[in-house]
Amino acid sequence: MSKQIVSTEAAPAAIGPYSQATKIDELVFTSGQIPLDPESMEIVDGGISEQTKQVMENLMAVLAAAGADASTVFKTTCFLSDMANFVAFNDVYASYFPESAPARSCVEVARLPKDVLVEVEAIAHIK
């Protein structure tokens, strides 16, 4: 088994002792992405829709750096600070998986890093 750390400047740098993603053989496991702008490292302005879009853009950048993309994702875990945001979250999330949505868990949590509204992690197959 071969383990490799994935890092890209196209997504926010890790804000703790973790990697953006880890590749093991033909699989990639991403860390949870939050709505930080990769250049400013600031939380994007706006509500759940804007934050979800930034989260998904960050996630896609990490997947690309690992040699994967939305079509190779087979599982996501989504964390919302308030399940009342589910419909708006889902509208943006769905636009990133127009053909074949991966298996998914979506849960409400008490608090997320930097008090953001959403965090998403993924497991994908490398092309």
C-alpha atoms as a PDB file:
ATOM      1  CA  MET A   1       0.000   0.000   0.000  1.00  0.00           C
ATOM      2  CA  SER A   2       1.286   3.408  -1.020  1.00  0.00           C
ATOM      3  CA  LYS A   3       0.328   6.524   1.002  1.00  0.00           C
ATOM      4  CA  GLN A   4       0.810   9.997  -0.458  1.00  0.00           C
ATOM      5  CA  ILE A   5      -0.104  13.433   0.915  1.00  0.00           C
ATOM      6  CA  VAL A   6      -2.025  15.755  -1.442  1.00  0.00           C
ATOM      7  CA  SER A   7      -1.529  19.504  -1.301  1.00  0.00           C
ATOM      8  CA  THR A   8      -2.607  22.314  -3.611  1.00  0.00           C
ATOM      9  CA  GLU A   9      -2.549  26.103  -3.460  1.00  0.00           C
ATOM     10  CA  ALA A  10      -5.909  26.097  -5.308  1.00  0.00           C
ATOM     11  CA  ALA A  11      -7.614  25.214  -2.007  1.00  0.00           C
ATOM     12  CA  PRO A  12      -7.155  26.651   1.480  1.00  0.00           C
ATOM     13  CA  ALA A  13      -4.077  25.513   3.348  1.00  0.00           C
ATOM     14  CA  ALA A  14      -4.700  23.264   6.326  1.00  0.00           C
ATOM     15  CA  ILE A  15      -5.432  25.253   9.496  1.00  0.00           C
ATOM     16  CA  GLY A  16      -4.307  22.461  11.792  1.00  0.00           C
ATOM     17  CA  PRO A  17      -2.270  19.258  11.903  1.00  0.00           C
ATOM     18  CA  TYR A  18      -3.855  17.563   8.863  1.00  0.00           C
ATOM     19  CA  SER A  19      -3.464  17.270   5.098  1.00  0.00           C
ATOM     20  CA  GLN A  20      -5.845  18.514   2.436  1.00  0.00           C
ATOM     21  CA  ALA A  21      -6.113  14.889   1.306  1.00  0.00           C
ATOM     22  CA  THR A  22      -4.382  11.535   1.442  1.00  0.00           C
ATOM     23  CA  LYS A  23      -4.018   9.153  -1.479  1.00  0.00           C
ATOM     24  CA  ILE A  24      -3.763   5.448  -0.803  1.00  0.00           C
ATOM     25  CA  ASP A  25      -3.267   3.399  -3.948  1.00  0.00           C
ATOM     26  CA  GLU A  26      -6.231   4.361  -6.189  1.00  0.00           C
ATOM     27  CA  LEU A  27      -8.297   6.091  -3.502  1.00  0.00           C
ATOM     28  CA  VAL A  28      -8.286   9.673  -2.244  1.00  0.00           C
ATOM     29  CA  PHE A  29      -9.661  10.728   1.135  1.00  0.00           C
ATOM     30  CA  THR A  30     -10.156  14.476   1.485  1.00  0.00           C
ATOM     31  CA  SER A  31     -10.213  16.426   4.679  1.00  0.00           C
ATOM     32  CA  GLY A  32     -13.347  18.435   5.286  1.00  0.00           C
ATOM     33  CA  GLN A  33     -13.419  21.628   3.270  1.00  0.00           C
ATOM     34  CA  ILE A  34     -14.860  24.801   4.740  1.00  0.00           C
ATOM     35  CA  PRO A  35     -15.740  28.049   2.908  1.00  0.00           C
ATOM     36  CA  LEU A  36     -12.346  29.722   3.083  1.00  0.00           C
ATOM     37  CA  ASP A  37     -11.109  31.657   0.083  1.00  0.00           C
ATOM     38  CA  PRO A  38      -7.778  29.973  -0.766  1.00  0.00           C
ATOM     39  CA  GLU A  39      -6.047  33.294  -1.453  1.00  0.00           C
ATOM     40  CA  SER A  40      -7.188  35.368   1.513  1.00  0.00           C
ATOM     41  CA  MET A  41      -7.889  32.463   3.909  1.00  0.00           C
ATOM     42  CA  GLU A  42     -11.020  34.395   4.936  1.00  0.00           C
ATOM     43  CA  ILE A  43     -14.537  32.980   5.124  1.00  0.00           C
ATOM     44  CA  VAL A  44     -16.503  33.995   2.021  1.00  0.00           C
ATOM     45  CA  ASP A  45     -19.254  36.556   2.435  1.00  0.00           C
ATOM     46  CA  GLY A  46     -22.862  35.454   2.221  1.00  0.00           C
ATOM     47  CA  GLY A  47     -25.060  32.693   3.533  1.00  0.00           C
ATOM     48  CA  ILE A  48     -25.349  28.973   3.019  1.00  0.00           C
ATOM     49  CA  SER A  49     -25.459  29.108  -0.799  1.00  0.00           C
ATOM     50  CA  GLU A  50     -22.276  31.166  -1.087  1.00  0.00           C
ATOM     51  CA  GLN A  51     -20.515  29.106   1.568  1.00  0.00           C
ATOM     52  CA  THR A  52     -21.540  25.821  -0.066  1.00  0.00           C
ATOM     53  CA  LYS A  53     -20.268  27.006  -3.464  1.00  0.00           C
ATOM     54  CA  GLN A  54     -16.867  27.868  -1.949  1.00  0.00           C
ATOM     55  CA  VAL A  55     -16.725  24.560  -0.083  1.00  0.00           C
ATOM     56  CA  MET A  56     -17.446  22.633  -3.275  1.00  0.00           C
ATOM     57  CA  GLU A  57     -14.902  24.659  -5.279  1.00  0.00           C
ATOM     58  CA  ASN A  58     -12.289  23.913  -2.607  1.00  0.00           C
ATOM     59  CA  LEU A  59     -13.237  20.239  -2.626  1.00  0.00           C
ATOM     60  CA  MET A  60     -12.990  20.042  -6.432  1.00  0.00           C
ATOM     61  CA  ALA A  61      -9.537  21.688  -6.310  1.00  0.00           C
ATOM     62  CA  VAL A  62      -8.272  19.120  -3.796  1.00  0.00           C
ATOM     63  CA  LEU A  63      -9.754  16.262  -5.825  1.00  0.00           C
ATOM     64  CA  ALA A  64      -8.113  17.600  -9.005  1.00  0.00           C
ATOM     65  CA  ALA A  65      -4.735  17.793  -7.263  1.00  0.00           C
ATOM     66  CA  ALA A  66      -5.150  14.132  -6.349  1.00  0.00           C
ATOM     67  CA  GLY A  67      -6.102  13.065  -9.890  1.00  0.00           C
ATOM     68  CA  ALA A  68      -9.836  12.726  -9.231  1.00  0.00           C
ATOM     69  CA  ASP A  69     -12.947  14.811  -9.935  1.00  0.00           C
ATOM     70  CA  ALA A  70     -16.663  14.956  -9.144  1.00  0.00           C
ATOM     71  CA  SER A  71     -17.395  11.978 -11.397  1.00  0.00           C
ATOM     72  CA  THR A  72     -15.061   9.733  -9.379  1.00  0.00           C
ATOM     73  CA  VAL A  73     -16.446  10.639  -5.942  1.00  0.00           C
ATOM     74  CA  PHE A  74     -18.320   7.727  -4.428  1.00  0.00           C
ATOM     75  CA  LYS A  75     -18.991   9.020  -0.877  1.00  0.00           C
ATOM     76  CA  THR A  76     -19.342  12.406   0.782  1.00  0.00           C
ATOM     77  CA  THR A  77     -20.014  13.422   4.344  1.00  0.00           C
ATOM     78  CA  CYS A  78     -21.665  16.803   4.768  1.00  0.00           C
ATOM     79  CA  PHE A  79     -21.872  18.770   7.994  1.00  0.00           C
ATOM     80  CA  LEU A  80     -24.378  21.603   8.420  1.00  0.00           C
ATOM     81  CA  SER A  81     -24.570  23.947  11.384  1.00  0.00           C
ATOM     82  CA  ASP A  82     -28.334  24.137  10.913  1.00  0.00           C
ATOM     83  CA  MET A  83     -30.495  21.576   9.101  1.00  0.00           C
ATOM     84  CA  ALA A  84     -32.840  24.454   8.189  1.00  0.00           C
ATOM     85  CA  ASN A  85     -30.191  25.220   5.510  1.00  0.00           C
ATOM     86  CA  PHE A  86     -30.538  21.755   3.929  1.00  0.00           C
ATOM     87  CA  VAL A  87     -32.605  22.751   0.870  1.00  0.00           C
ATOM     88  CA  ALA A  88     -30.347  25.665  -0.077  1.00  0.00           C
ATOM     89  CA  PHE A  89     -27.242  23.535   0.576  1.00  0.00           C
ATOM     90  CA  ASN A  90     -28.654  20.705  -1.516  1.00  0.00           C
ATOM     91  CA  ASP A  91     -29.386  22.986  -4.496  1.00  0.00           C
ATOM     92  CA  VAL A  92     -25.736  24.062  -4.741  1.00  0.00           C
ATOM     93  CA  TYR A  93     -24.311  20.620  -3.856  1.00  0.00           C
ATOM     94  CA  ALA A  94     -26.419  18.909  -6.554  1.00  0.00           C
ATOM     95  CA  SER A  95     -24.992  21.175  -9.259  1.00  0.00           C
ATOM     96  CA  TYR A  96     -21.566  19.576  -8.705  1.00  0.00           C
ATOM     97  CA  PHE A  97     -22.918  16.051  -9.275  1.00  0.00           C
ATOM     98  CA  PRO A  98     -25.289  16.441 -12.260  1.00  0.00           C
ATOM     99  CA  GLU A  99     -24.949  12.873 -13.579  1.00  0.00           C
ATOM    100  CA  SER A 100     -24.433  10.404 -10.776  1.00  0.00           C
ATOM    101  CA  ALA A 101     -24.527  11.680  -7.229  1.00  0.00           C
ATOM    102  CA  PRO A 102     -22.341   9.806  -4.755  1.00  0.00           C
ATOM    103  CA  ALA A 103     -23.548   8.133  -1.588  1.00  0.00           C
ATOM    104  CA  ARG A 104     -23.848  10.777   1.103  1.00  0.00           C
ATOM    105  CA  SER A 105     -24.376  11.390   4.782  1.00  0.00           C
ATOM    106  CA  CYS A 106     -25.582  14.830   5.832  1.00  0.00           C
ATOM    107  CA  VAL A 107     -25.809  15.743   9.489  1.00  0.00           C
ATOM    108  CA  GLU A 108     -26.363  18.792  11.658  1.00  0.00           C
ATOM    109  CA  VAL A 109     -23.547  19.500  14.079  1.00  0.00           C
ATOM    110  CA  ALA A 110     -23.327  21.821  17.066  1.00  0.00           C
ATOM    111  CA  ARG A 111     -20.414  23.838  15.696  1.00  0.00           C
ATOM    112  CA  LEU A 112     -17.950  23.884  12.790  1.00  0.00           C
ATOM    113  CA  PRO A 113     -14.452  25.394  12.547  1.00  0.00           C
ATOM    114  CA  LYS A 114     -14.493  29.196  12.431  1.00  0.00           C
ATOM    115  CA  ASP A 115     -18.284  29.001  12.974  1.00  0.00           C
ATOM    116  CA  VAL A 116     -18.924  28.337   9.274  1.00  0.00           C
ATOM    117  CA  LEU A 117     -22.272  27.009   8.084  1.00  0.00           C
ATOM    118  CA  VAL A 118     -21.054  23.973   6.121  1.00  0.00           C
ATOM    119  CA  GLU A 119     -18.184  21.490   5.718  1.00  0.00           C
ATOM    120  CA  VAL A 120     -17.873  18.651   3.179  1.00  0.00           C
ATOM    121  CA  GLU A 121     -15.397  15.772   2.848  1.00  0.00           C
ATOM    122  CA  ALA A 122     -15.170  13.118   0.137  1.00  0.00           C
ATOM    123  CA  ILE A 123     -13.773   9.753  -0.824  1.00  0.00           C
ATOM    124  CA  ALA A 124     -13.003   9.264  -4.511  1.00  0.00           C
ATOM    125  CA  HIS A 125     -11.339   6.917  -6.955  1.00  0.00           C
ATOM    126  CA  ILE A 126      -8.320   8.252  -8.799  1.00  0.00           C
ATOM    127  CA  LYS A 127      -8.679   8.215 -12.593  1.00  0.00           C
END
